[in-house]
Amino acid sequence: MCEPNVDEPLNPQAAHTIEHIGATLLRNGHYKEHIIYFGPMGCMTGFYLITRDLDFETVKNLVKEIFEAIASWNQDIPGAKKEECGNYTYMDLEKAKQSASFFINSSWEHSYHYL
């Protein structure tokens, strides 16, 4: 999502929110049988997406679709209840939406090679 040591890294609360929404969409989406893991990088520059049996173009399009969905998210954050998350108050939907929009609109064409 961010070019390392160039762009500002992700806000950790935004990354946590993106993780919750993105993982939920991926685990319940069309390619759910191919999703192994989605979560933030410790350096807060992006996310790991581990899949099986999906070609690069499919993964690239899937990532873009997920971030488009996050950028326009207007529902409750999935799994953001005390009984569902060990740090459920550590979320920021507006910053998550801004970060997703940044990735789609500013960085997508330049960053897809990191996928």
N, C-alpha and C. Protein backbone atom coordinates (compact mmCIF):
# COMPACT_ATOMS: atom_id res chain seq x y z
N MET A 1 0.82 -1.19 0.00
CA MET A 1 0.00 0.00 0.00
C MET A 1 0.85 1.24 0.00
N CYS A 2 1.96 1.21 0.72
CA CYS A 2 2.85 2.35 0.80
C CYS A 2 4.21 1.94 0.26
N GLU A 3 4.85 2.86 -0.43
CA GLU A 3 6.22 2.57 -0.86
C GLU A 3 7.12 2.69 0.36
N PRO A 4 7.82 1.62 0.72
CA PRO A 4 8.64 1.63 1.93
C PRO A 4 9.64 2.78 1.94
N ASN A 5 9.71 3.46 3.07
CA ASN A 5 10.65 4.55 3.31
C ASN A 5 10.44 5.76 2.39
N VAL A 6 9.30 5.81 1.71
CA VAL A 6 8.94 6.96 0.87
C VAL A 6 7.60 7.51 1.34
N ASP A 7 6.55 6.68 1.25
CA ASP A 7 5.22 7.09 1.71
C ASP A 7 5.14 6.99 3.22
N GLU A 8 4.21 7.74 3.79
CA GLU A 8 3.94 7.62 5.22
C GLU A 8 3.34 6.24 5.48
N PRO A 9 3.82 5.52 6.48
CA PRO A 9 3.24 4.19 6.76
C PRO A 9 1.79 4.31 7.22
N LEU A 10 1.11 3.18 7.21
CA LEU A 10 -0.28 3.13 7.63
C LEU A 10 -0.43 3.46 9.11
N ASN A 11 -1.51 4.10 9.44
CA ASN A 11 -1.88 4.29 10.82
C ASN A 11 -2.24 2.90 11.36
N PRO A 12 -1.70 2.48 12.50
CA PRO A 12 -1.98 1.13 13.01
C PRO A 12 -3.47 0.84 13.24
N GLN A 13 -4.23 1.83 13.67
CA GLN A 13 -5.67 1.62 13.84
C GLN A 13 -6.37 1.42 12.51
N ALA A 14 -5.91 2.14 11.48
CA ALA A 14 -6.47 1.95 10.13
C ALA A 14 -6.11 0.56 9.62
N ALA A 15 -4.86 0.14 9.84
CA ALA A 15 -4.43 -1.19 9.40
C ALA A 15 -5.26 -2.28 10.08
N HIS A 16 -5.52 -2.12 11.36
CA HIS A 16 -6.33 -3.09 12.10
C HIS A 16 -7.74 -3.17 11.52
N THR A 17 -8.29 -2.01 11.19
CA THR A 17 -9.62 -1.95 10.61
C THR A 17 -9.64 -2.60 9.22
N ILE A 18 -8.65 -2.29 8.40
CA ILE A 18 -8.53 -2.89 7.07
C ILE A 18 -8.41 -4.40 7.19
N GLU A 19 -7.64 -4.85 8.17
CA GLU A 19 -7.49 -6.30 8.39
C GLU A 19 -8.84 -6.94 8.67
N HIS A 20 -9.62 -6.35 9.55
CA HIS A 20 -10.93 -6.93 9.90
C HIS A 20 -11.86 -6.97 8.69
N ILE A 21 -11.97 -5.86 7.98
CA ILE A 21 -12.88 -5.82 6.84
C ILE A 21 -12.36 -6.70 5.70
N GLY A 22 -11.08 -6.53 5.37
CA GLY A 22 -10.50 -7.29 4.26
C GLY A 22 -10.55 -8.79 4.49
N ALA A 23 -10.16 -9.23 5.67
CA ALA A 23 -10.18 -10.67 5.96
C ALA A 23 -11.59 -11.23 5.89
N THR A 24 -12.55 -10.46 6.38
CA THR A 24 -13.95 -10.91 6.33
C THR A 24 -14.42 -11.04 4.90
N LEU A 25 -14.15 -10.03 4.08
CA LEU A 25 -14.57 -10.08 2.67
C LEU A 25 -13.90 -11.23 1.93
N LEU A 26 -12.62 -11.41 2.18
CA LEU A 26 -11.89 -12.48 1.50
C LEU A 26 -12.36 -13.86 1.93
N ARG A 27 -12.57 -14.05 3.22
CA ARG A 27 -12.99 -15.36 3.73
C ARG A 27 -14.40 -15.73 3.33
N ASN A 28 -15.21 -14.74 2.97
CA ASN A 28 -16.60 -14.99 2.60
C ASN A 28 -16.88 -14.75 1.13
N GLY A 29 -15.87 -14.37 0.37
CA GLY A 29 -16.06 -14.01 -1.03
C GLY A 29 -15.99 -15.18 -1.99
N HIS A 30 -15.99 -14.83 -3.26
CA HIS A 30 -16.00 -15.81 -4.35
C HIS A 30 -14.81 -16.78 -4.29
N TYR A 31 -13.66 -16.30 -3.84
CA TYR A 31 -12.45 -17.11 -3.81
C TYR A 31 -12.12 -17.64 -2.42
N LYS A 32 -13.11 -17.74 -1.55
CA LYS A 32 -12.88 -18.10 -0.15
C LYS A 32 -12.10 -19.41 0.03
N GLU A 33 -12.27 -20.34 -0.87
CA GLU A 33 -11.55 -21.63 -0.78
C GLU A 33 -10.06 -21.47 -1.08
N HIS A 34 -9.67 -20.32 -1.63
CA HIS A 34 -8.28 -20.08 -2.02
C HIS A 34 -7.54 -19.17 -1.05
N ILE A 35 -8.24 -18.64 -0.08
CA ILE A 35 -7.64 -17.67 0.86
C ILE A 35 -7.06 -18.42 2.05
N ILE A 36 -5.79 -18.15 2.31
CA ILE A 36 -5.12 -18.74 3.47
C ILE A 36 -4.95 -17.71 4.58
N TYR A 37 -4.53 -16.49 4.22
CA TYR A 37 -4.26 -15.48 5.25
C TYR A 37 -4.30 -14.08 4.65
N PHE A 38 -4.79 -13.12 5.43
CA PHE A 38 -4.71 -11.69 5.12
C PHE A 38 -4.45 -10.95 6.41
N GLY A 39 -3.38 -10.18 6.46
CA GLY A 39 -3.07 -9.42 7.66
C GLY A 39 -1.97 -8.40 7.41
N PRO A 40 -1.82 -7.45 8.32
CA PRO A 40 -0.87 -6.35 8.12
C PRO A 40 0.59 -6.76 8.30
N MET A 41 1.45 -6.07 7.57
CA MET A 41 2.89 -6.20 7.75
C MET A 41 3.28 -5.42 9.01
N GLY A 42 4.23 -5.91 9.73
CA GLY A 42 4.67 -5.24 10.95
C GLY A 42 5.20 -3.84 10.71
N CYS A 43 5.74 -3.58 9.53
CA CYS A 43 6.28 -2.26 9.21
C CYS A 43 5.19 -1.26 8.83
N MET A 44 3.93 -1.71 8.77
CA MET A 44 2.78 -0.87 8.46
C MET A 44 2.86 -0.25 7.06
N THR A 45 3.46 -0.98 6.11
CA THR A 45 3.48 -0.48 4.74
C THR A 45 2.49 -1.22 3.85
N GLY A 46 1.88 -2.26 4.35
CA GLY A 46 0.94 -3.01 3.53
C GLY A 46 0.44 -4.25 4.26
N PHE A 47 0.00 -5.21 3.46
CA PHE A 47 -0.63 -6.41 3.98
C PHE A 47 -0.08 -7.64 3.27
N TYR A 48 -0.09 -8.73 3.98
CA TYR A 48 0.20 -10.03 3.36
C TYR A 48 -1.12 -10.66 2.95
N LEU A 49 -1.15 -11.20 1.75
CA LEU A 49 -2.29 -11.99 1.30
C LEU A 49 -1.70 -13.29 0.77
N ILE A 50 -2.01 -14.36 1.45
CA ILE A 50 -1.52 -15.67 1.05
C ILE A 50 -2.71 -16.44 0.48
N THR A 51 -2.53 -16.90 -0.75
CA THR A 51 -3.58 -17.64 -1.45
C THR A 51 -3.01 -18.95 -1.98
N ARG A 52 -3.90 -19.78 -2.47
CA ARG A 52 -3.45 -20.99 -3.17
C ARG A 52 -4.26 -21.13 -4.46
N ASP A 53 -3.57 -21.57 -5.48
CA ASP A 53 -4.20 -21.89 -6.77
C ASP A 53 -4.91 -20.70 -7.42
N LEU A 54 -4.37 -19.50 -7.26
CA LEU A 54 -4.89 -18.33 -7.96
C LEU A 54 -3.76 -17.69 -8.76
N ASP A 55 -4.03 -17.31 -10.00
CA ASP A 55 -2.99 -16.67 -10.81
C ASP A 55 -2.84 -15.20 -10.41
N PHE A 56 -1.74 -14.60 -10.84
CA PHE A 56 -1.40 -13.25 -10.44
C PHE A 56 -2.48 -12.24 -10.82
N GLU A 57 -3.02 -12.31 -12.02
CA GLU A 57 -4.04 -11.36 -12.46
C GLU A 57 -5.29 -11.45 -11.58
N THR A 58 -5.68 -12.66 -11.22
CA THR A 58 -6.84 -12.83 -10.35
C THR A 58 -6.58 -12.21 -8.99
N VAL A 59 -5.41 -12.45 -8.42
CA VAL A 59 -5.07 -11.89 -7.11
C VAL A 59 -5.01 -10.37 -7.19
N LYS A 60 -4.40 -9.85 -8.23
CA LYS A 60 -4.30 -8.40 -8.41
C LYS A 60 -5.69 -7.76 -8.46
N ASN A 61 -6.58 -8.33 -9.22
CA ASN A 61 -7.95 -7.81 -9.31
C ASN A 61 -8.70 -7.97 -8.00
N LEU A 62 -8.48 -9.08 -7.32
CA LEU A 62 -9.13 -9.31 -6.04
C LEU A 62 -8.70 -8.27 -5.01
N VAL A 63 -7.41 -7.99 -4.96
CA VAL A 63 -6.90 -6.99 -4.02
C VAL A 63 -7.53 -5.63 -4.31
N LYS A 64 -7.59 -5.26 -5.57
CA LYS A 64 -8.18 -3.97 -5.93
C LYS A 64 -9.66 -3.92 -5.53
N GLU A 65 -10.39 -4.99 -5.77
CA GLU A 65 -11.81 -5.05 -5.40
C GLU A 65 -11.99 -4.91 -3.88
N ILE A 66 -11.14 -5.59 -3.12
CA ILE A 66 -11.24 -5.53 -1.66
C ILE A 66 -11.00 -4.11 -1.17
N PHE A 67 -9.97 -3.45 -1.70
CA PHE A 67 -9.69 -2.09 -1.25
C PHE A 67 -10.74 -1.10 -1.73
N GLU A 68 -11.35 -1.34 -2.87
CA GLU A 68 -12.47 -0.50 -3.30
C GLU A 68 -13.65 -0.65 -2.34
N ALA A 69 -13.90 -1.87 -1.91
CA ALA A 69 -14.98 -2.11 -0.94
C ALA A 69 -14.68 -1.43 0.39
N ILE A 70 -13.44 -1.50 0.83
CA ILE A 70 -13.06 -0.87 2.10
C ILE A 70 -13.19 0.66 1.99
N ALA A 71 -12.79 1.22 0.86
CA ALA A 71 -12.84 2.67 0.67
C ALA A 71 -14.26 3.22 0.75
N SER A 72 -15.24 2.38 0.44
CA SER A 72 -16.63 2.84 0.48
C SER A 72 -17.44 2.16 1.59
N TRP A 73 -16.77 1.54 2.54
CA TRP A 73 -17.44 0.79 3.61
C TRP A 73 -18.35 1.69 4.43
N ASN A 74 -19.60 1.29 4.62
CA ASN A 74 -20.54 2.08 5.41
C ASN A 74 -21.33 1.20 6.38
N GLN A 75 -20.72 0.12 6.80
CA GLN A 75 -21.34 -0.80 7.74
C GLN A 75 -20.49 -0.87 9.01
N ASP A 76 -20.97 -1.62 9.97
CA ASP A 76 -20.15 -1.87 11.15
C ASP A 76 -18.89 -2.61 10.73
N ILE A 77 -17.83 -2.44 11.49
CA ILE A 77 -16.58 -3.16 11.23
C ILE A 77 -16.78 -4.60 11.71
N PRO A 78 -16.57 -5.57 10.83
CA PRO A 78 -16.75 -6.97 11.24
C PRO A 78 -15.78 -7.35 12.36
N GLY A 79 -16.26 -8.11 13.30
CA GLY A 79 -15.42 -8.62 14.38
C GLY A 79 -14.93 -7.56 15.35
N ALA A 80 -15.59 -6.42 15.42
CA ALA A 80 -15.14 -5.33 16.28
C ALA A 80 -15.94 -5.25 17.58
N LYS A 81 -16.22 -6.40 18.12
CA LYS A 81 -16.90 -6.46 19.42
C LYS A 81 -15.96 -7.11 20.43
N LYS A 82 -16.18 -6.80 21.68
CA LYS A 82 -15.31 -7.28 22.75
C LYS A 82 -15.13 -8.80 22.72
N GLU A 83 -16.21 -9.51 22.44
CA GLU A 83 -16.13 -10.97 22.43
C GLU A 83 -15.50 -11.54 21.15
N GLU A 84 -15.19 -10.67 20.19
CA GLU A 84 -14.65 -11.13 18.91
C GLU A 84 -13.19 -10.72 18.66
N CYS A 85 -12.71 -9.70 19.37
CA CYS A 85 -11.38 -9.15 19.10
C CYS A 85 -10.71 -8.74 20.40
N GLY A 86 -9.45 -9.09 20.53
CA GLY A 86 -8.69 -8.76 21.73
C GLY A 86 -8.35 -7.29 21.87
N ASN A 87 -8.54 -6.51 20.81
CA ASN A 87 -8.26 -5.07 20.86
C ASN A 87 -9.34 -4.34 20.06
N TYR A 88 -10.58 -4.64 20.37
CA TYR A 88 -11.73 -4.20 19.58
C TYR A 88 -11.93 -2.69 19.50
N THR A 89 -11.37 -1.94 20.42
CA THR A 89 -11.53 -0.48 20.37
C THR A 89 -10.44 0.18 19.53
N TYR A 90 -9.47 -0.58 19.11
CA TYR A 90 -8.32 -0.05 18.36
C TYR A 90 -8.62 -0.06 16.86
N MET A 91 -9.61 0.72 16.46
CA MET A 91 -10.07 0.77 15.07
C MET A 91 -10.27 2.22 14.67
N ASP A 92 -10.12 2.48 13.37
CA ASP A 92 -10.42 3.81 12.83
C ASP A 92 -10.90 3.63 11.40
N LEU A 93 -12.22 3.59 11.25
CA LEU A 93 -12.82 3.34 9.94
C LEU A 93 -12.51 4.46 8.95
N GLU A 94 -12.58 5.69 9.38
CA GLU A 94 -12.33 6.80 8.44
C GLU A 94 -10.90 6.77 7.92
N LYS A 95 -9.94 6.52 8.79
CA LYS A 95 -8.54 6.42 8.33
C LYS A 95 -8.34 5.19 7.45
N ALA A 96 -9.05 4.11 7.75
CA ALA A 96 -8.97 2.91 6.91
C ALA A 96 -9.50 3.21 5.50
N LYS A 97 -10.60 3.92 5.43
CA LYS A 97 -11.18 4.29 4.13
C LYS A 97 -10.23 5.21 3.37
N GLN A 98 -9.62 6.16 4.07
CA GLN A 98 -8.66 7.06 3.43
C GLN A 98 -7.44 6.29 2.91
N SER A 99 -6.95 5.35 3.70
CA SER A 99 -5.80 4.54 3.29
C SER A 99 -6.14 3.68 2.08
N ALA A 100 -7.31 3.07 2.10
CA ALA A 100 -7.74 2.26 0.96
C ALA A 100 -7.87 3.11 -0.29
N SER A 101 -8.44 4.30 -0.16
CA SER A 101 -8.56 5.21 -1.30
C SER A 101 -7.20 5.63 -1.82
N PHE A 102 -6.26 5.90 -0.92
CA PHE A 102 -4.90 6.27 -1.32
C PHE A 102 -4.29 5.15 -2.16
N PHE A 103 -4.44 3.94 -1.69
CA PHE A 103 -3.87 2.80 -2.40
C PHE A 103 -4.48 2.66 -3.80
N ILE A 104 -5.78 2.78 -3.89
CA ILE A 104 -6.46 2.63 -5.18
C ILE A 104 -6.12 3.79 -6.12
N ASN A 105 -6.23 5.01 -5.63
CA ASN A 105 -6.13 6.18 -6.49
C ASN A 105 -4.71 6.69 -6.72
N SER A 106 -3.84 6.50 -5.76
CA SER A 106 -2.50 7.06 -5.88
C SER A 106 -1.43 6.03 -6.14
N SER A 107 -1.56 4.90 -5.51
CA SER A 107 -0.45 3.96 -5.53
C SER A 107 -0.69 2.71 -6.36
N TRP A 108 -1.91 2.43 -6.70
CA TRP A 108 -2.21 1.14 -7.32
C TRP A 108 -1.33 0.84 -8.52
N GLU A 109 -1.27 1.74 -9.46
CA GLU A 109 -0.53 1.48 -10.69
C GLU A 109 0.97 1.37 -10.44
N HIS A 110 1.46 2.02 -9.38
CA HIS A 110 2.88 1.98 -9.09
C HIS A 110 3.25 0.85 -8.12
N SER A 111 2.28 0.38 -7.35
CA SER A 111 2.59 -0.56 -6.29
C SER A 111 2.22 -2.00 -6.60
N TYR A 112 1.47 -2.23 -7.68
CA TYR A 112 1.02 -3.60 -7.92
C TYR A 112 2.16 -4.57 -8.08
N HIS A 113 3.33 -4.10 -8.46
CA HIS A 113 4.47 -5.01 -8.63
C HIS A 113 4.97 -5.56 -7.29
N TYR A 114 4.53 -4.98 -6.18
CA TYR A 114 4.89 -5.52 -4.86
C TYR A 114 4.05 -6.74 -4.52
N LEU A 115 2.96 -6.95 -5.25
CA LEU A 115 2.06 -8.08 -4.95
C LEU A 115 2.75 -9.39 -5.21
